[in-house]
Amino acid sequence: MHKVIALIMTGALLASCATVPADRVYNARIYNLSTGEVVPAVGHTDRAGKSVVTAGPTLSGETFIGEATSIQNAVQTSSYGGSSISNPGVPYSTYVSSSSYAVSRPGYQSGTAILVGNKGTVMDIVYQVNLTGTGQGEGRDNKGVTYRIQF
């Protein structure tokens, strides 16, 4: 009986490994758009799509720690329209207009990250990354400095 339970547990464990991607490490560079300083960053992603992110040190010695989350393959849609009657009482004088759009970026994950520095700087970053770990984003800190991030 114990062997049957062990076999079932082993099979369930192996099946879960085959369907859930392994933990990943992403290396990135954060570019300060005011000074040109490049700050190294590393993200450790777990199986749920959440990451612990560390960055630094900067030239001033500040180091950062924070977290990031992402959502994969979002499709953005919007539609709007209107109608008006140009000559009331006259047949076929109705004007109708409609417009819509959709944006899809297959294979990309959109995400946000927040990094808190040991000297009080807080970075708020939005990004997109593909499944191979290549991506880009932008952000701003609580002092008004803007950044670009490259994965």
Protein backbone atom coordinates (compact mmCIF):
# COMPACT_ATOMS: atom_id res chain seq x y z
CA MET A 1 0.00 0.00 0.00
CA HIS A 2 2.84 2.42 0.82
CA LYS A 3 4.43 1.70 -2.57
CA VAL A 4 1.17 2.56 -4.36
CA ILE A 5 0.88 5.86 -2.49
CA ALA A 6 4.55 6.62 -3.21
CA LEU A 7 4.02 5.89 -6.92
CA ILE A 8 0.95 8.14 -7.06
CA MET A 9 2.80 10.95 -5.26
CA THR A 10 5.83 10.61 -7.56
CA GLY A 11 3.60 10.66 -10.66
CA ALA A 12 1.77 13.77 -9.44
CA LEU A 13 5.06 15.51 -8.70
CA LEU A 14 6.49 14.69 -12.14
CA ALA A 15 3.27 15.78 -13.86
CA SER A 16 3.33 19.13 -12.07
CA CYS A 17 6.96 19.68 -13.13
CA ALA A 18 6.05 19.07 -16.75
CA THR A 19 3.21 21.61 -16.79
CA VAL A 20 4.61 24.44 -14.65
CA PRO A 21 7.68 26.37 -15.87
CA ALA A 22 10.73 26.31 -13.65
CA ASP A 23 11.88 29.28 -11.59
CA ARG A 24 13.83 31.78 -13.70
CA VAL A 25 16.47 34.44 -13.22
CA TYR A 26 16.32 37.61 -15.32
CA ASN A 27 19.24 40.01 -15.60
CA ALA A 28 18.45 43.62 -16.43
CA ARG A 29 19.98 47.06 -16.61
CA ILE A 30 18.23 50.19 -15.35
CA TYR A 31 19.29 53.34 -17.22
CA ASN A 32 18.98 56.67 -15.38
CA LEU A 33 17.80 59.02 -18.16
CA SER A 34 19.05 62.11 -16.29
CA THR A 35 22.65 61.04 -15.62
CA GLY A 36 23.21 58.07 -17.93
CA GLU A 37 24.15 55.85 -14.99
CA VAL A 38 23.51 52.15 -15.59
CA VAL A 39 22.38 50.11 -12.58
CA PRO A 40 22.44 46.29 -12.74
CA ALA A 41 19.31 44.42 -11.62
CA VAL A 42 18.37 40.77 -11.12
CA GLY A 43 14.87 39.29 -10.91
CA HIS A 44 14.17 35.85 -9.45
CA THR A 45 10.79 34.70 -10.79
CA ASP A 46 8.79 31.98 -9.08
CA ARG A 47 6.28 29.62 -10.68
CA ALA A 48 3.36 31.99 -10.01
CA GLY A 49 4.84 34.85 -12.11
CA LYS A 50 6.00 36.91 -9.14
CA SER A 51 9.59 38.07 -8.82
CA VAL A 52 11.90 39.32 -6.12
CA VAL A 53 14.06 42.03 -7.67
CA THR A 54 17.38 43.44 -6.45
CA ALA A 55 19.31 46.30 -8.06
CA GLY A 56 22.45 48.29 -7.45
CA PRO A 57 24.58 49.55 -6.09
CA THR A 58 24.32 52.97 -7.73
CA LEU A 59 27.32 55.34 -7.79
CA SER A 60 26.00 56.83 -4.54
CA GLY A 61 25.99 53.35 -2.95
CA GLU A 62 22.20 52.90 -2.89
CA THR A 63 20.88 49.35 -3.28
CA PHE A 64 17.31 48.36 -4.05
CA ILE A 65 15.00 45.48 -3.27
CA GLY A 66 11.44 45.00 -4.39
CA GLU A 67 9.02 42.85 -6.29
CA ALA A 68 7.49 42.50 -9.72
CA THR A 69 4.44 40.77 -11.12
CA SER A 70 3.37 40.16 -14.69
CA ILE A 71 0.29 39.16 -16.64
CA GLN A 72 0.72 37.31 -19.91
CA ASN A 73 -0.81 37.88 -23.35
CA ALA A 74 -3.25 40.68 -22.62
CA VAL A 75 -5.53 41.86 -25.40
CA GLN A 76 -6.69 45.45 -25.21
CA THR A 77 -9.89 46.40 -27.03
CA SER A 78 -12.01 49.50 -27.24
CA SER A 79 -14.99 50.53 -29.29
CA TYR A 80 -17.02 53.66 -29.48
CA GLY A 81 -19.58 55.18 -31.78
CA GLY A 82 -22.36 57.66 -32.13
CA SER A 83 -25.41 58.46 -34.17
CA SER A 84 -27.30 61.57 -35.11
CA ILE A 85 -30.30 62.53 -37.21
CA SER A 86 -29.53 65.41 -39.57
CA ASN A 87 -33.08 66.03 -40.88
CA PRO A 88 -35.82 64.85 -38.54
CA GLY A 89 -38.79 63.43 -40.37
CA VAL A 90 -36.93 62.71 -43.62
CA PRO A 91 -36.25 58.99 -44.30
CA TYR A 92 -32.69 57.85 -44.67
CA SER A 93 -31.11 60.94 -43.15
CA THR A 94 -29.58 59.13 -40.19
CA TYR A 95 -25.81 59.25 -39.74
CA VAL A 96 -24.17 56.45 -37.78
CA SER A 97 -20.47 56.14 -37.08
CA SER A 98 -18.53 53.49 -35.23
CA SER A 99 -14.87 52.74 -34.59
CA SER A 100 -12.92 50.12 -32.70
CA TYR A 101 -9.41 48.80 -32.22
CA ALA A 102 -7.63 45.88 -30.61
CA VAL A 103 -4.01 45.47 -29.60
CA SER A 104 -2.50 42.04 -29.00
CA ARG A 105 1.14 41.28 -28.21
CA PRO A 106 1.30 37.48 -28.30
CA GLY A 107 4.15 36.02 -26.35
CA TYR A 108 4.68 39.09 -24.16
CA GLN A 109 3.93 39.57 -20.50
CA SER A 110 3.11 43.03 -19.17
CA GLY A 111 4.17 43.78 -15.64
CA THR A 112 4.94 46.28 -12.93
CA ALA A 113 7.78 46.47 -10.44
CA ILE A 114 8.39 48.53 -7.32
CA LEU A 115 11.92 48.92 -5.97
CA VAL A 116 12.76 50.55 -2.63
CA GLY A 117 16.27 51.85 -2.02
CA ASN A 118 18.14 51.83 1.28
CA LYS A 119 18.55 55.64 0.97
CA GLY A 120 14.87 56.43 0.38
CA THR A 121 14.53 56.26 -3.42
CA VAL A 122 11.42 54.41 -4.64
CA MET A 123 11.22 53.32 -8.31
CA ASP A 124 7.90 52.51 -9.99
CA ILE A 125 8.44 50.58 -13.25
CA VAL A 126 6.17 49.16 -15.97
CA TYR A 127 7.57 46.66 -18.46
CA GLN A 128 6.95 43.99 -21.08
CA VAL A 129 9.01 40.82 -21.36
CA ASN A 130 8.74 37.80 -23.64
CA LEU A 131 9.01 34.19 -22.54
CA THR A 132 12.74 34.06 -23.34
CA GLY A 133 13.45 36.94 -20.95
CA THR A 134 13.98 39.75 -23.46
CA GLY A 135 12.05 42.93 -22.80
CA GLN A 136 11.98 46.59 -21.91
CA GLY A 137 10.20 49.06 -19.66
CA GLU A 138 10.21 52.50 -18.15
CA GLY A 139 9.77 54.05 -14.77
CA ARG A 140 10.05 57.05 -12.50
CA ASP A 141 11.22 57.45 -8.94
CA ASN A 142 9.85 59.52 -6.07
CA LYS A 143 12.40 62.26 -6.88
CA GLY A 144 11.13 62.76 -10.46
CA VAL A 145 13.98 60.90 -12.21
CA THR A 146 12.96 58.75 -15.20
CA TYR A 147 14.45 55.37 -16.10
CA ARG A 148 14.50 52.81 -18.90
CA ILE A 149 14.95 49.13 -18.13
CA GLN A 150 16.30 46.58 -20.58
CA PHE A 151 16.11 42.81 -20.06
